[in-house]
Amino acid sequence: MLRRAMLTISFILAMGAVPTWAAGPEPTPLYPDKVPGATGTEEPDRPSVRIHLPPKDKANGAAVVICPGGGYGIIAMDHEGSQVANWFNSHGVTALVLRYRLSPYRHPIPLNDAQRAIRYARANAEKLGISPHRIGVMGFSAGGHLASTAATHFDAGQKEATDPVDRVSCRPDFAILGYPVVSFTADFAHKGSGRNLIGENPDPQLLDNLSNEKQVTSDTPPTFLFHTGDDTGVPAENSVAFFLALRKAKVPAELHVYQQGPHGVGLAPGDPALFTWKDRLLDWLRQNRFLADGELAAVQGKITLDGKPLKWGQLTLVPADSKYKPVGFAMISNGNFKLAKERGVLPGEYSVRVVNQGDITHRQTLEDVQEIARENSGLRVMVSGDKPNTFDFDLKKQP
C-alpha cells in the first residue's frame, strides 16, 4: 500500500500538477499573430496569460499579473500561479497568470513578455472590468526577479504604434514580491536564475542592470515583499536589499521576513504562521487604495471623555459601506486628532472606534486602557470629499 501511494505521489509530481492547471481558464495569447523574438511556434514559444475573473458581486476593479517562479527554467504554474489567482479572486481582484518564455530564451525576452502582459491588461481594462490605474505585478522566486525587473524597467508606451496594446504604459501600479531573486551581483545572488536568463559569461554592465536593488528610483511603484529567514535557496537578503532601496528612494513599501519556512512555499497553507502573509498583503493593498478608487479626504476633530479632553488614545475609522476601502487611524493627544489628506480616508460612511490609553505620567496606567464602546456603540460619521471633515465627540467613560 505504501509503495502504491509513493508511486501515485511520484506520478503527480512528474505531471507537474497538470490537472489543476488545465482545469483553469484557457490561455489567452499575448501576441495573436507573430511573436517577436520567437524561435519556434510551439506553446513554450508563445507567451500567454490565463485570466482568472472574480465573481461579479466581489469584483473591485483591481488586477495583478502573476509571474510564477522556477529559476527561468520551469514555471511553477500551480502553487505560485493558479492557486494564488484563485485567492485574489476571492477578494475581488482579477488575476492574469503569465506563461513567459524560458531558457534557452534569454533577456530581454521574459521581460518583454511581462511588460506585454501588463500592457495587455491596461489596454483591455474596460473589457476585463478593471481600473487601468490599479494594475500590479506579482512574482515568486525567479518570477519575483521578473516582477521586480518589470517594476524597475518600464516605459510609457509607443504612442504611434499600430498595435493598440503597445501604445499604453507597462509600468505596474504596484508590485508584490514573494521570496524574490533580486540581485545578480551580490554574494546572495541566485546563480542558477542568472545563468538561465543571461548565460554563463554575461556583460558586467548587464549584471548590474538586472540587479534590481540598484535600479530602484522614486518612480518605482509601491511594493510589498515577504520572505523567510530559513530560505537558503534565495536568501532573505534579496528582499531586504530591495526594501532598503525603496526606503532610500522614498517609495512606499512593506517587508515581512518570517523566521521559519523554506523556499517555494506559495500560499503556505500548511504553516499557520507563514500562511498569514496573504492577510498582511490584503491589509497593504487596502490601505494603499489598490482595492478601491477615489481621492482621500482629511479628517480632524476633538474627543472629550465625560466633558474633559481625552489625554491619550487612538481613533479608528472603519468603512461601513465597503471592505475594500482603507481604514483611517489617528492618535489622540489632549483631545485632538487629525488625519492629513495623504493619510485620510475615502468619502463614505464610517464607524468610529475610540481607545482610551490612559494618562501620560510616570505612574502605571495600564488599567485605564480600554475601548470606549459599551456606552458609545453605534458611533458613525459620513466623510465628504468636497468639504472639510471635522467631527467632535463627547464620550462617556465605561463603569
Protein backbone atom coordinates (compact mmCIF):
# COMPACT_ATOMS: atom_id res chain seq x y z
CA MET A 1 0.00 0.00 0.00
CA LEU A 2 2.83 2.40 0.89
CA ARG A 3 4.61 1.60 -2.37
CA ARG A 4 1.41 2.29 -4.34
CA ALA A 5 0.96 5.64 -2.52
CA MET A 6 4.56 6.60 -3.25
CA LEU A 7 4.13 5.73 -6.91
CA THR A 8 0.97 7.83 -7.07
CA ILE A 9 2.72 10.81 -5.48
CA SER A 10 5.68 10.40 -7.84
CA PHE A 11 3.34 10.34 -10.85
CA ILE A 12 1.54 13.52 -9.71
CA LEU A 13 4.85 15.30 -9.17
CA ALA A 14 6.10 14.16 -12.56
CA MET A 15 2.96 15.53 -14.19
CA GLY A 16 3.63 18.92 -12.57
CA ALA A 17 0.08 19.19 -11.17
CA VAL A 18 -1.21 19.47 -14.75
CA PRO A 19 -4.85 18.58 -13.88
CA THR A 20 -5.22 21.66 -11.62
CA TRP A 21 -3.66 23.97 -14.19
CA ALA A 22 -5.51 22.50 -17.15
CA ALA A 23 -8.84 22.92 -15.36
CA GLY A 24 -8.37 26.69 -15.18
CA PRO A 25 -9.16 29.35 -17.79
CA GLU A 26 -7.95 28.80 -21.32
CA PRO A 27 -4.72 30.63 -22.24
CA THR A 28 -5.02 33.97 -23.99
CA PRO A 29 -2.10 34.59 -26.37
CA LEU A 30 -0.30 37.86 -25.70
CA TYR A 31 0.57 38.10 -29.38
CA PRO A 32 -2.32 36.90 -31.58
CA ASP A 33 -0.12 36.76 -34.67
CA LYS A 34 3.67 36.69 -34.98
CA VAL A 35 5.53 36.58 -31.65
CA PRO A 36 8.54 38.95 -31.55
CA GLY A 37 11.78 37.10 -30.86
CA ALA A 38 10.21 33.63 -31.07
CA THR A 39 12.41 30.82 -32.38
CA GLY A 40 9.51 28.38 -32.82
CA THR A 41 5.75 28.10 -32.90
CA GLU A 42 5.07 25.65 -30.04
CA GLU A 43 3.43 26.57 -26.72
CA PRO A 44 6.76 27.42 -24.99
CA ASP A 45 7.42 29.92 -27.79
CA ARG A 46 4.07 31.70 -27.41
CA PRO A 47 3.64 33.68 -24.18
CA SER A 48 0.11 33.79 -22.80
CA VAL A 49 -1.98 34.67 -19.77
CA ARG A 50 -4.74 32.74 -18.08
CA ILE A 51 -7.29 35.29 -16.94
CA HIS A 52 -8.97 34.46 -13.62
CA LEU A 53 -12.01 36.68 -13.12
CA PRO A 54 -13.55 37.24 -9.67
CA PRO A 55 -17.29 36.86 -9.10
CA LYS A 56 -19.06 39.95 -10.39
CA ASP A 57 -20.52 40.74 -6.98
CA LYS A 58 -17.00 40.81 -5.48
CA ALA A 59 -15.01 42.48 -8.27
CA ASN A 60 -13.38 45.73 -7.14
CA GLY A 61 -11.52 46.72 -10.31
CA ALA A 62 -8.01 45.80 -9.19
CA ALA A 63 -5.86 43.44 -11.25
CA VAL A 64 -2.50 41.70 -10.92
CA VAL A 65 -0.21 39.94 -13.40
CA ILE A 66 1.29 36.89 -11.64
CA CYS A 67 4.75 35.60 -12.63
CA PRO A 68 5.29 32.10 -11.16
CA GLY A 69 8.84 31.10 -10.30
CA GLY A 70 11.09 28.31 -11.48
CA GLY A 71 14.59 29.69 -11.95
CA TYR A 72 13.83 30.86 -15.52
CA GLY A 73 13.97 27.15 -16.43
CA ILE A 74 10.47 25.93 -15.49
CA ILE A 75 7.26 27.63 -14.35
CA ALA A 76 5.53 26.68 -11.09
CA MET A 77 2.13 27.37 -12.63
CA ASP A 78 0.00 25.82 -9.92
CA HIS A 79 1.08 26.74 -6.38
CA GLU A 80 2.63 30.05 -7.49
CA GLY A 81 0.08 30.68 -10.22
CA SER A 82 -3.48 29.38 -10.31
CA GLN A 83 -3.76 28.86 -6.55
CA VAL A 84 -2.69 32.44 -5.91
CA ALA A 85 -5.01 33.69 -8.66
CA ASN A 86 -7.96 31.94 -7.01
CA TRP A 87 -7.10 33.60 -3.69
CA PHE A 88 -7.02 37.01 -5.38
CA ASN A 89 -10.39 36.27 -7.00
CA SER A 90 -11.88 35.58 -3.58
CA HIS A 91 -11.01 39.18 -2.69
CA GLY A 92 -12.36 40.76 -5.85
CA VAL A 93 -9.07 41.06 -7.75
CA THR A 94 -8.69 39.96 -11.37
CA ALA A 95 -5.56 37.80 -11.83
CA LEU A 96 -3.65 37.14 -15.05
CA VAL A 97 -1.23 34.22 -14.64
CA LEU A 98 1.64 34.71 -17.06
CA ARG A 99 3.34 31.93 -19.01
CA TYR A 100 6.53 33.69 -20.06
CA ARG A 101 9.30 32.30 -22.24
CA LEU A 102 12.12 30.42 -20.51
CA SER A 103 15.69 29.30 -21.15
CA PRO A 104 17.06 28.90 -23.80
CA TYR A 105 15.35 32.27 -24.34
CA ARG A 106 17.49 34.99 -22.79
CA HIS A 107 16.95 38.52 -21.55
CA PRO A 108 15.07 40.63 -22.58
CA ILE A 109 12.53 38.05 -23.82
CA PRO A 110 10.96 37.20 -20.39
CA LEU A 111 10.83 40.90 -19.50
CA ASN A 112 9.19 41.67 -22.84
CA ASP A 113 6.54 39.06 -22.04
CA ALA A 114 5.86 40.52 -18.57
CA GLN A 115 5.66 44.05 -19.97
CA ARG A 116 3.32 42.85 -22.70
CA ALA A 117 1.04 41.24 -20.10
CA ILE A 118 0.81 44.50 -18.14
CA ARG A 119 0.13 46.44 -21.33
CA TYR A 120 -2.48 43.85 -22.35
CA ALA A 121 -4.34 44.25 -19.04
CA ARG A 122 -4.26 48.04 -19.28
CA ALA A 123 -5.28 48.18 -22.95
CA ASN A 124 -8.19 45.80 -22.23
CA ALA A 125 -9.20 47.34 -18.89
CA GLU A 126 -12.78 48.09 -19.93
CA LYS A 127 -13.27 44.61 -21.37
CA LEU A 128 -11.85 42.99 -18.22
CA GLY A 129 -13.81 45.26 -15.89
CA ILE A 130 -10.70 46.66 -14.19
CA SER A 131 -9.21 50.06 -13.50
CA PRO A 132 -6.26 50.95 -15.78
CA HIS A 133 -4.67 52.67 -12.78
CA ARG A 134 -4.76 49.71 -10.38
CA ILE A 135 -2.82 47.01 -12.22
CA GLY A 136 0.04 45.37 -10.34
CA VAL A 137 2.68 42.74 -10.96
CA MET A 138 3.50 39.84 -8.65
CA GLY A 139 6.24 37.26 -8.74
CA PHE A 140 7.70 34.40 -6.73
CA SER A 141 11.39 33.43 -6.65
CA ALA A 142 12.75 33.91 -10.21
CA GLY A 143 9.27 35.17 -11.08
CA GLY A 144 9.93 37.72 -8.34
CA HIS A 145 13.04 38.75 -10.24
CA LEU A 146 10.92 39.16 -13.36
CA ALA A 147 8.33 41.17 -11.42
CA SER A 148 10.96 43.38 -9.80
CA THR A 149 12.52 43.91 -13.24
CA ALA A 150 9.14 44.97 -14.61
CA ALA A 151 8.80 47.32 -11.61
CA THR A 152 12.16 48.99 -12.33
CA HIS A 153 12.34 48.79 -16.14
CA PHE A 154 9.28 50.27 -17.86
CA ASP A 155 8.13 52.85 -20.38
CA ALA A 156 5.07 54.93 -21.18
CA GLY A 157 4.28 53.06 -24.41
CA GLN A 158 4.73 53.95 -28.06
CA LYS A 159 2.01 56.43 -28.95
CA GLU A 160 2.44 55.87 -32.70
CA ALA A 161 2.41 52.05 -32.56
CA THR A 162 -0.01 50.28 -34.87
CA ASP A 163 -0.80 47.74 -32.14
CA PRO A 164 -3.04 49.45 -29.53
CA VAL A 165 -1.53 47.28 -26.79
CA ASP A 166 1.91 48.75 -27.47
CA ARG A 167 0.58 52.29 -27.04
CA VAL A 168 -0.05 52.01 -23.30
CA SER A 169 2.36 52.07 -20.37
CA CYS A 170 3.89 48.88 -18.97
CA ARG A 171 4.59 50.46 -15.57
CA PRO A 172 2.81 48.44 -12.87
CA ASP A 173 0.89 50.47 -10.30
CA PHE A 174 2.16 48.22 -7.51
CA ALA A 175 4.45 45.23 -7.06
CA ILE A 176 4.23 42.14 -4.85
CA LEU A 177 7.38 40.05 -4.41
CA GLY A 178 7.38 36.63 -2.74
CA TYR A 179 10.84 35.32 -1.74
CA PRO A 180 12.20 37.04 -4.88
CA VAL A 181 15.51 36.73 -6.65
CA VAL A 182 16.61 40.38 -6.82
CA SER A 183 20.38 40.66 -7.26
CA PHE A 184 22.78 39.07 -9.74
CA THR A 185 25.89 40.77 -8.32
CA ALA A 186 25.66 40.43 -4.52
CA ASP A 187 27.06 37.48 -2.59
CA PHE A 188 23.47 36.31 -2.01
CA ALA A 189 22.66 36.25 -5.75
CA HIS A 190 20.89 33.19 -7.18
CA LYS A 191 23.37 31.96 -9.77
CA GLY A 192 21.05 29.45 -11.45
CA SER A 193 18.46 32.08 -12.35
CA GLY A 194 21.23 34.29 -13.67
CA ARG A 195 22.65 31.57 -15.90
CA ASN A 196 19.25 30.75 -17.36
CA LEU A 197 18.40 34.39 -18.00
CA ILE A 198 21.69 35.88 -19.23
CA GLY A 199 24.05 32.96 -19.85
CA GLU A 200 27.37 31.83 -18.41
CA ASN A 201 29.58 34.88 -19.06
CA PRO A 202 27.33 37.96 -19.12
CA ASP A 203 28.50 41.52 -19.56
CA PRO A 204 29.10 43.05 -16.08
CA GLN A 205 27.00 46.05 -17.11
CA LEU A 206 24.07 43.72 -17.83
CA LEU A 207 24.52 42.06 -14.45
CA ASP A 208 24.26 45.47 -12.81
CA ASN A 209 21.26 46.41 -14.91
CA LEU A 210 19.40 43.29 -13.82
CA SER A 211 20.39 43.57 -10.17
CA ASN A 212 17.18 45.34 -9.39
CA GLU A 213 18.11 46.70 -5.98
CA LYS A 214 20.39 49.01 -7.97
CA GLN A 215 17.63 50.13 -10.33
CA VAL A 216 15.07 51.47 -7.83
CA THR A 217 14.07 55.12 -8.31
CA SER A 218 11.32 57.36 -7.00
CA ASP A 219 9.21 56.15 -9.95
CA THR A 220 9.33 52.52 -8.81
CA PRO A 221 5.79 51.55 -7.74
CA PRO A 222 4.84 50.81 -4.10
CA THR A 223 5.98 47.31 -3.20
CA PHE A 224 5.03 44.54 -0.76
CA LEU A 225 7.63 41.85 -0.01
CA PHE A 226 7.66 38.68 2.04
CA HIS A 227 10.43 36.15 2.63
CA THR A 228 11.57 33.57 5.19
CA GLY A 229 14.72 33.56 7.28
CA ASP A 230 15.19 29.83 6.67
CA ASP A 231 15.34 30.29 2.88
CA THR A 232 18.77 29.08 1.77
CA GLY A 233 17.86 28.83 -1.94
CA VAL A 234 17.17 32.54 -2.32
CA PRO A 235 18.28 34.26 0.91
CA ALA A 236 16.11 36.94 2.51
CA GLU A 237 18.85 39.49 1.85
CA ASN A 238 17.35 39.80 -1.65
CA SER A 239 14.12 41.21 -0.23
CA VAL A 240 15.92 43.27 2.39
CA ALA A 241 18.16 44.90 -0.24
CA PHE A 242 15.18 45.81 -2.42
CA PHE A 243 13.25 47.14 0.57
CA LEU A 244 16.15 49.34 1.67
CA ALA A 245 16.49 50.69 -1.87
CA LEU A 246 12.78 51.53 -1.85
CA ARG A 247 13.17 53.28 1.51
CA LYS A 248 16.08 55.32 0.20
CA ALA A 249 14.01 56.37 -2.83
CA LYS A 250 11.04 57.19 -0.54
CA VAL A 251 8.81 54.65 -2.26
CA PRO A 252 6.04 53.21 -0.02
CA ALA A 253 6.99 49.64 0.89
CA GLU A 254 6.30 46.89 3.39
CA LEU A 255 8.53 43.89 4.17
CA HIS A 256 7.77 40.75 6.19
CA VAL A 257 10.54 38.25 6.94
CA TYR A 258 9.15 35.19 8.70
CA GLN A 259 11.64 33.33 10.85
CA GLN A 260 10.69 29.85 9.66
CA GLY A 261 9.81 28.43 6.27
CA PRO A 262 11.72 27.00 3.29
CA HIS A 263 11.91 28.38 -0.23
CA GLY A 264 8.98 28.00 -2.61
CA VAL A 265 6.09 27.92 -0.12
CA GLY A 266 3.48 29.64 -2.30
CA LEU A 267 0.45 30.40 -0.12
CA ALA A 268 1.98 28.17 2.61
CA PRO A 269 -1.37 26.59 3.60
CA GLY A 270 0.32 24.07 5.91
CA ASP A 271 2.04 26.68 8.11
CA PRO A 272 -0.35 28.59 10.41
CA ALA A 273 2.13 31.47 10.84
CA LEU A 274 3.53 31.82 7.32
CA PHE A 275 0.03 31.36 5.87
CA THR A 276 -0.80 34.83 7.23
CA TRP A 277 1.45 36.60 4.70
CA LYS A 278 -1.54 36.88 2.37
CA ASP A 279 -3.55 38.61 5.12
CA ARG A 280 -0.78 41.18 5.56
CA LEU A 281 -0.82 41.65 1.79
CA LEU A 282 -4.58 42.23 1.83
CA ASP A 283 -4.17 44.87 4.54
CA TRP A 284 -1.45 46.56 2.49
CA LEU A 285 -3.48 46.56 -0.71
CA ARG A 286 -6.47 48.03 1.11
CA GLN A 287 -4.51 50.72 2.96
CA ASN A 288 -2.79 51.82 -0.25
CA ARG A 289 -6.13 52.15 -2.09
CA PHE A 290 -5.39 49.47 -4.67
CA LEU A 291 -8.75 47.83 -3.93
CA ALA A 292 -10.87 50.99 -4.23
CA ASP A 293 -10.88 54.15 -6.36
CA GLY A 294 -11.19 57.72 -5.14
CA GLU A 295 -9.45 60.74 -3.64
CA LEU A 296 -8.57 60.72 0.05
CA ALA A 297 -10.22 63.21 2.40
CA ALA A 298 -8.72 64.80 5.51
CA VAL A 299 -10.46 64.31 8.87
CA GLN A 300 -9.94 66.06 12.19
CA GLY A 301 -11.77 66.72 15.42
CA LYS A 302 -11.85 66.56 19.21
CA ILE A 303 -12.61 63.78 21.67
CA THR A 304 -13.81 64.56 25.19
CA LEU A 305 -14.40 61.95 27.86
CA ASP A 306 -17.02 62.93 30.45
CA GLY A 307 -16.59 66.50 29.31
CA LYS A 308 -12.77 66.55 29.55
CA PRO A 309 -10.25 66.17 26.70
CA LEU A 310 -9.13 62.55 26.25
CA LYS A 311 -5.46 62.83 27.17
CA TRP A 312 -4.04 59.92 25.22
CA GLY A 313 -5.73 57.47 22.90
CA GLN A 314 -6.45 56.20 19.39
CA LEU A 315 -9.24 56.77 16.91
CA THR A 316 -10.05 54.35 14.10
CA LEU A 317 -12.48 54.94 11.22
CA VAL A 318 -13.72 51.62 9.83
CA PRO A 319 -15.53 51.70 6.45
CA ALA A 320 -19.19 50.80 6.86
CA ASP A 321 -20.01 50.64 3.15
CA SER A 322 -17.04 48.72 1.67
CA LYS A 323 -14.47 46.25 2.94
CA TYR A 324 -12.08 47.39 0.21
CA LYS A 325 -11.65 50.97 1.46
CA PRO A 326 -8.66 51.84 3.68
CA VAL A 327 -9.12 52.17 7.43
CA GLY A 328 -8.36 55.55 8.99
CA PHE A 329 -6.17 55.68 12.10
CA ALA A 330 -5.05 58.64 14.23
CA MET A 331 -3.54 59.21 17.64
CA ILE A 332 -5.48 61.34 20.12
CA SER A 333 -3.47 63.82 22.20
CA ASN A 334 -5.14 66.18 24.67
CA GLY A 335 -8.44 65.56 22.94
CA ASN A 336 -7.28 66.36 19.40
CA PHE A 337 -6.95 64.01 16.42
CA LYS A 338 -6.06 64.66 12.78
CA LEU A 339 -5.71 62.61 9.61
CA ALA A 340 -3.97 64.65 6.93
CA LYS A 341 -5.21 64.08 3.38
CA GLU A 342 -2.35 61.73 2.45
CA ARG A 343 -3.30 59.59 5.49
CA GLY A 344 -7.02 60.18 5.25
CA VAL A 345 -9.94 58.05 4.14
CA LEU A 346 -12.17 57.80 1.08
CA PRO A 347 -15.58 59.51 1.16
CA GLY A 348 -18.36 57.41 2.66
CA GLU A 349 -19.80 56.15 5.93
CA TYR A 350 -17.51 55.02 8.77
CA SER A 351 -17.98 53.51 12.19
CA VAL A 352 -15.88 55.18 14.89
CA ARG A 353 -13.75 53.34 17.43
CA VAL A 354 -12.02 55.18 20.27
CA VAL A 355 -9.47 53.67 22.63
CA ASN A 356 -8.51 55.37 25.86
CA GLN A 357 -4.85 54.62 26.56
CA GLY A 358 -4.74 56.29 29.94
CA ASP A 359 -2.63 59.21 31.10
CA ILE A 360 0.91 60.14 30.09
CA THR A 361 2.53 60.12 33.51
CA HIS A 362 5.28 58.39 35.41
CA ARG A 363 2.78 56.13 37.12
CA GLN A 364 1.40 52.86 35.80
CA THR A 365 -1.87 53.38 33.90
CA LEU A 366 -2.47 50.06 32.14
CA GLU A 367 -5.76 49.61 33.97
CA ASP A 368 -7.05 52.67 32.09
CA VAL A 369 -6.50 51.17 28.63
CA GLN A 370 -9.94 50.38 27.18
CA GLU A 371 -12.07 50.69 24.13
CA ILE A 372 -14.86 53.12 24.86
CA ALA A 373 -17.62 51.05 23.34
CA ARG A 374 -20.45 49.98 25.60
CA GLU A 375 -21.99 53.40 26.20
CA ASN A 376 -20.75 54.80 22.89
CA SER A 377 -21.50 52.00 20.45
CA GLY A 378 -23.02 52.86 17.10
CA LEU A 379 -20.91 55.96 16.52
CA ARG A 380 -20.91 56.72 12.78
CA VAL A 381 -19.80 59.58 10.59
CA MET A 382 -20.22 60.45 6.92
CA VAL A 383 -16.95 61.62 5.35
CA SER A 384 -17.27 64.04 2.46
CA GLY A 385 -14.78 64.56 -0.32
CA ASP A 386 -15.78 68.14 -1.16
CA LYS A 387 -15.72 69.93 2.22
CA PRO A 388 -13.70 69.88 5.48
CA ASN A 389 -14.46 66.93 7.75
CA THR A 390 -14.50 67.92 11.41
CA PHE A 391 -16.08 65.61 13.99
CA ASP A 392 -16.27 66.23 17.73
CA PHE A 393 -17.33 63.51 20.18
CA ASP A 394 -18.21 63.78 23.88
CA LEU A 395 -18.00 60.22 25.17
CA LYS A 396 -18.89 58.59 28.47
CA LYS A 397 -16.37 56.57 30.43
CA GLN A 398 -17.17 52.91 30.97
CA PRO A 399 -18.04 51.99 34.56
